[in-house]
C-alpha atoms as a PDB file:
ATOM      1  CA  UNK A   1    -218.196  -0.311-111.994  1.00  0.00           C
ATOM      2  CA  UNK A   2    -219.964   3.038-112.373  1.00  0.00           C
ATOM      3  CA  UNK A   3    -222.184   4.377-109.199  1.00  0.00           C
ATOM      4  CA  UNK A   4    -225.793   4.688-109.569  1.00  0.00           C
ATOM      5  CA  UNK A   5    -227.066   7.953-108.452  1.00  0.00           C
ATOM      6  CA  UNK A   6    -230.414   8.379-107.364  1.00  0.00           C
ATOM      7  CA  UNK A   7    -232.293  11.561-108.859  1.00  0.00           C
ATOM      8  CA  UNK A   8    -234.765  13.475-106.802  1.00  0.00           C
ATOM      9  CA  UNK A   9    -237.986  13.108-107.976  1.00  0.00           C
ATOM     10  CA  UNK A  10    -238.367  17.112-107.972  1.00  0.00           C
ATOM     11  CA  UNK A  11    -236.006  17.202-110.627  1.00  0.00           C
ATOM     12  CA  UNK A  12    -237.202  16.819-114.321  1.00  0.00           C
ATOM     13  CA  UNK A  13    -234.635  14.480-115.989  1.00  0.00           C
ATOM     14  CA  UNK A  14    -233.961  17.220-118.961  1.00  0.00           C
ATOM     15  CA  UNK A  15    -232.849  19.922-116.652  1.00  0.00           C
ATOM     16  CA  UNK A  16    -229.262  19.784-115.639  1.00  0.00           C
ATOM     17  CA  UNK A  17    -228.136  18.916-111.991  1.00  0.00           C
ATOM     18  CA  UNK A  18    -225.654  20.732-110.418  1.00  0.00           C
ATOM     19  CA  UNK A  19    -222.714  18.899-108.850  1.00  0.00           C
ATOM     20  CA  UNK A  20    -221.765  20.032-105.297  1.00  0.00           C
ATOM     21  CA  UNK A  21    -219.192  22.461-104.720  1.00  0.00           C
ATOM     22  CA  UNK A  22    -215.784  21.237-103.555  1.00  0.00           C
ATOM     23  CA  UNK A  23    -214.971  24.156-101.109  1.00  0.00           C
ATOM     24  CA  UNK A  24    -218.384  24.383 -99.483  1.00  0.00           C
ATOM     25  CA  UNK A  25    -219.925  20.842 -99.642  1.00  0.00           C
ATOM     26  CA  UNK A  26    -219.725  18.691 -96.534  1.00  0.00           C
ATOM     27  CA  UNK A  27    -218.576  15.859 -98.465  1.00  0.00           C
ATOM     28  CA  UNK A  28    -215.488  17.587 -99.109  1.00  0.00           C
ATOM     29  CA  UNK A  29    -214.580  19.713 -95.789  1.00  0.00           C
ATOM     30  CA  UNK A  30    -213.311  16.773 -93.846  1.00  0.00           C
ATOM     31  CA  UNK A  31    -209.731  17.832 -95.061  1.00  0.00           C
ATOM     32  CA  UNK A  32    -207.657  19.424 -92.188  1.00  0.00           C
ATOM     33  CA  UNK A  33    -207.033  23.047 -92.167  1.00  0.00           C
ATOM     34  CA  UNK A  34    -204.314  24.192 -94.696  1.00  0.00           C
ATOM     35  CA  UNK A  35    -203.850  20.396 -96.168  1.00  0.00           C
ATOM     36  CA  UNK A  36    -203.014  20.592 -99.743  1.00  0.00           C
ATOM     37  CA  UNK A  37    -205.190  19.186-102.516  1.00  0.00           C
ATOM     38  CA  UNK A  38    -202.581  16.541-103.220  1.00  0.00           C
ATOM     39  CA  UNK A  39    -203.254  14.366-100.231  1.00  0.00           C
ATOM     40  CA  UNK A  40    -205.805  11.621-100.688  1.00  0.00           C
ATOM     41  CA  UNK A  41    -209.622  11.997 -98.797  1.00  0.00           C
ATOM     42  CA  UNK A  42    -210.558  10.149 -96.714  1.00  0.00           C
ATOM     43  CA  UNK A  43    -213.572   8.827 -98.839  1.00  0.00           C
ATOM     44  CA  UNK A  44    -211.158   7.045-101.321  1.00  0.00           C
ATOM     45  CA  UNK A  45    -211.252   3.501-101.325  1.00  0.00           C
ATOM     46  CA  UNK A  46    -208.410   1.415-100.264  1.00  0.00           C
ATOM     47  CA  UNK A  47    -206.247  -0.765-102.801  1.00  0.00           C
ATOM     48  CA  UNK A  48    -206.816  -4.422-102.370  1.00  0.00           C
ATOM     49  CA  UNK A  49    -203.682  -6.218-101.036  1.00  0.00           C
ATOM     50  CA  UNK A  50    -202.446  -8.919-103.532  1.00  0.00           C
ATOM     51  CA  UNK A  51    -200.889 -12.369-102.944  1.00  0.00           C
ATOM     52  CA  UNK A  52    -198.695 -14.926-104.634  1.00  0.00           C
ATOM     53  CA  UNK A  53    -199.438 -18.637-104.094  1.00  0.00           C
ATOM     54  CA  UNK A  54    -198.046 -21.626-105.377  1.00  0.00           C
ATOM     55  CA  UNK A  55    -200.206 -24.936-105.770  1.00  0.00           C
ATOM     56  CA  UNK A  56    -198.988 -28.288-106.347  1.00  0.00           C
ATOM     57  CA  UNK A  57    -201.047 -30.835-108.790  1.00  0.00           C
ATOM     58  CA  UNK A  58    -201.169 -34.572-108.035  1.00  0.00           C
ATOM     59  CA  UNK A  59    -198.450 -35.240-110.792  1.00  0.00           C
ATOM     60  CA  UNK A  60    -196.294 -33.034-108.618  1.00  0.00           C
ATOM     61  CA  UNK A  61    -195.960 -29.925-111.159  1.00  0.00           C
ATOM     62  CA  UNK A  62    -196.273 -26.448-109.271  1.00  0.00           C
ATOM     63  CA  UNK A  63    -198.689 -23.634-110.644  1.00  0.00           C
ATOM     64  CA  UNK A  64    -197.937 -19.836-109.679  1.00  0.00           C
ATOM     65  CA  UNK A  65    -200.555 -17.235-109.708  1.00  0.00           C
ATOM     66  CA  UNK A  66    -201.862 -13.833-107.706  1.00  0.00           C
ATOM     67  CA  UNK A  67    -205.096 -12.946-106.552  1.00  0.00           C
ATOM     68  CA  UNK A  68    -206.382 -10.785-103.827  1.00  0.00           C
ATOM     69  CA  UNK A  69    -208.225 -13.879-102.029  1.00  0.00           C
ATOM     70  CA  UNK A  70    -206.106 -16.635-101.571  1.00  0.00           C
ATOM     71  CA  UNK A  71    -208.859 -19.020-100.342  1.00  0.00           C
ATOM     72  CA  UNK A  72    -211.411 -17.871-102.968  1.00  0.00           C
ATOM     73  CA  UNK A  73    -208.893 -18.583-106.006  1.00  0.00           C
ATOM     74  CA  UNK A  74    -207.926 -21.882-104.668  1.00  0.00           C
ATOM     75  CA  UNK A  75    -211.544 -22.909-104.023  1.00  0.00           C
ATOM     76  CA  UNK A  76    -212.090 -21.993-107.794  1.00  0.00           C
ATOM     77  CA  UNK A  77    -209.085 -23.803-109.219  1.00  0.00           C
ATOM     78  CA  UNK A  78    -210.325 -27.003-106.945  1.00  0.00           C
ATOM     79  CA  UNK A  79    -213.746 -26.966-108.405  1.00  0.00           C
ATOM     80  CA  UNK A  80    -212.603 -27.243-112.276  1.00  0.00           C
ATOM     81  CA  UNK A  81    -214.890 -24.623-113.158  1.00  0.00           C
ATOM     82  CA  UNK A  82    -214.877 -21.920-115.847  1.00  0.00           C
ATOM     83  CA  UNK A  83    -213.116 -19.529-113.291  1.00  0.00           C
ATOM     84  CA  UNK A  84    -210.430 -22.182-112.488  1.00  0.00           C
ATOM     85  CA  UNK A  85    -206.944 -21.958-114.418  1.00  0.00           C
ATOM     86  CA  UNK A  86    -207.048 -24.213-117.720  1.00  0.00           C
ATOM     87  CA  UNK A  87    -203.411 -25.689-116.602  1.00  0.00           C
ATOM     88  CA  UNK A  88    -204.919 -27.124-113.358  1.00  0.00           C
ATOM     89  CA  UNK A  89    -207.989 -28.763-114.795  1.00  0.00           C
ATOM     90  CA  UNK A  90    -208.108 -32.532-114.491  1.00  0.00           C
ATOM     91  CA  UNK A  91    -204.711 -32.465-112.307  1.00  0.00           C
ATOM     92  CA  UNK A  92    -206.221 -32.970-108.798  1.00  0.00           C
ATOM     93  CA  UNK A  93    -206.505 -33.341-106.173  1.00  0.00           C
ATOM     94  CA  UNK A  94    -204.721 -30.020-105.596  1.00  0.00           C
ATOM     95  CA  UNK A  95    -202.593 -29.007-102.744  1.00  0.00           C
ATOM     96  CA  UNK A  96    -201.782 -25.194-101.677  1.00  0.00           C
ATOM     97  CA  UNK A  97    -198.229 -25.066-100.676  1.00  0.00           C
ATOM     98  CA  UNK A  98    -197.103 -21.425-100.539  1.00  0.00           C
ATOM     99  CA  UNK A  99    -198.287 -18.185-100.392  1.00  0.00           C
ATOM    100  CA  UNK A 100    -196.972 -14.553 -99.621  1.00  0.00           C
ATOM    101  CA  UNK A 101    -198.633 -11.159 -99.218  1.00  0.00           C
ATOM    102  CA  UNK A 102    -197.162  -8.919-102.031  1.00  0.00           C
ATOM    103  CA  UNK A 103    -198.969  -5.575-101.860  1.00  0.00           C
ATOM    104  CA  UNK A 104    -199.962  -3.855-104.920  1.00  0.00           C
ATOM    105  CA  UNK A 105    -201.311  -5.845-108.135  1.00  0.00           C
ATOM    106  CA  UNK A 106    -198.249  -4.667-110.231  1.00  0.00           C
ATOM    107  CA  UNK A 107    -195.872  -6.119-107.392  1.00  0.00           C
ATOM    108  CA  UNK A 108    -197.688  -9.112-107.203  1.00  0.00           C
ATOM    109  CA  UNK A 109    -197.141  -9.568-111.073  1.00  0.00           C
ATOM    110  CA  UNK A 110    -193.500  -8.849-110.990  1.00  0.00           C
ATOM    111  CA  UNK A 111    -192.942 -11.410-108.428  1.00  0.00           C
ATOM    112  CA  UNK A 112    -194.952 -13.857-109.945  1.00  0.00           C
ATOM    113  CA  UNK A 113    -193.017 -13.437-113.001  1.00  0.00           C
ATOM    114  CA  UNK A 114    -189.619 -13.627-111.141  1.00  0.00           C
ATOM    115  CA  UNK A 115    -190.710 -16.863-109.593  1.00  0.00           C
ATOM    116  CA  UNK A 116    -191.739 -18.572-112.712  1.00  0.00           C
ATOM    117  CA  UNK A 117    -188.152 -17.865-113.836  1.00  0.00           C
ATOM    118  CA  UNK A 118    -186.420 -19.520-110.906  1.00  0.00           C
ATOM    119  CA  UNK A 119    -185.665 -23.480-111.258  1.00  0.00           C
ATOM    120  CA  UNK A 120    -187.996 -26.209-109.495  1.00  0.00           C
ATOM    121  CA  UNK A 121    -185.221 -26.624-107.085  1.00  0.00           C
ATOM    122  CA  UNK A 122    -185.369 -23.158-105.772  1.00  0.00           C
ATOM    123  CA  UNK A 123    -189.191 -23.214-105.794  1.00  0.00           C
ATOM    124  CA  UNK A 124    -189.205 -25.913-103.808  1.00  0.00           C
ATOM    125  CA  UNK A 125    -186.537 -24.668-101.397  1.00  0.00           C
ATOM    126  CA  UNK A 126    -189.049 -21.399-100.855  1.00  0.00           C
ATOM    127  CA  UNK A 127    -191.808 -23.793-100.066  1.00  0.00           C
ATOM    128  CA  UNK A 128    -189.727 -25.382 -97.566  1.00  0.00           C
ATOM    129  CA  UNK A 129    -189.042 -21.800 -95.891  1.00  0.00           C
ATOM    130  CA  UNK A 130    -185.282 -22.405 -96.936  1.00  0.00           C
ATOM    131  CA  UNK A 131    -185.032 -19.210 -99.137  1.00  0.00           C
END
């Protein structure tokens, strides 16, 4: 999503606006002396932490997914709303049986694919903490 920038009232919308000089602007001078341009500036937003989770349906089936907020995502699944997984609709009550911190979105998706290939017995052992 793009940031909204407010223009000063004194600036005519047809006149070009100059951008801050990356060498002298206070926005960009917070880097330590002698640091390289390849280092990440402090104002860059940190990447969210991703989680892998497993939900057990009333019929015993297991559903695996990834999210940045397990509590919010599980609540969406329980509500049966448009944001819930179609697979879980009408299969409640649902139980959150497992979650783990994975790191990046890429790592979470790779872990999800790996777990979906596991046999049910191995998934149940993971839930019980035996793997």
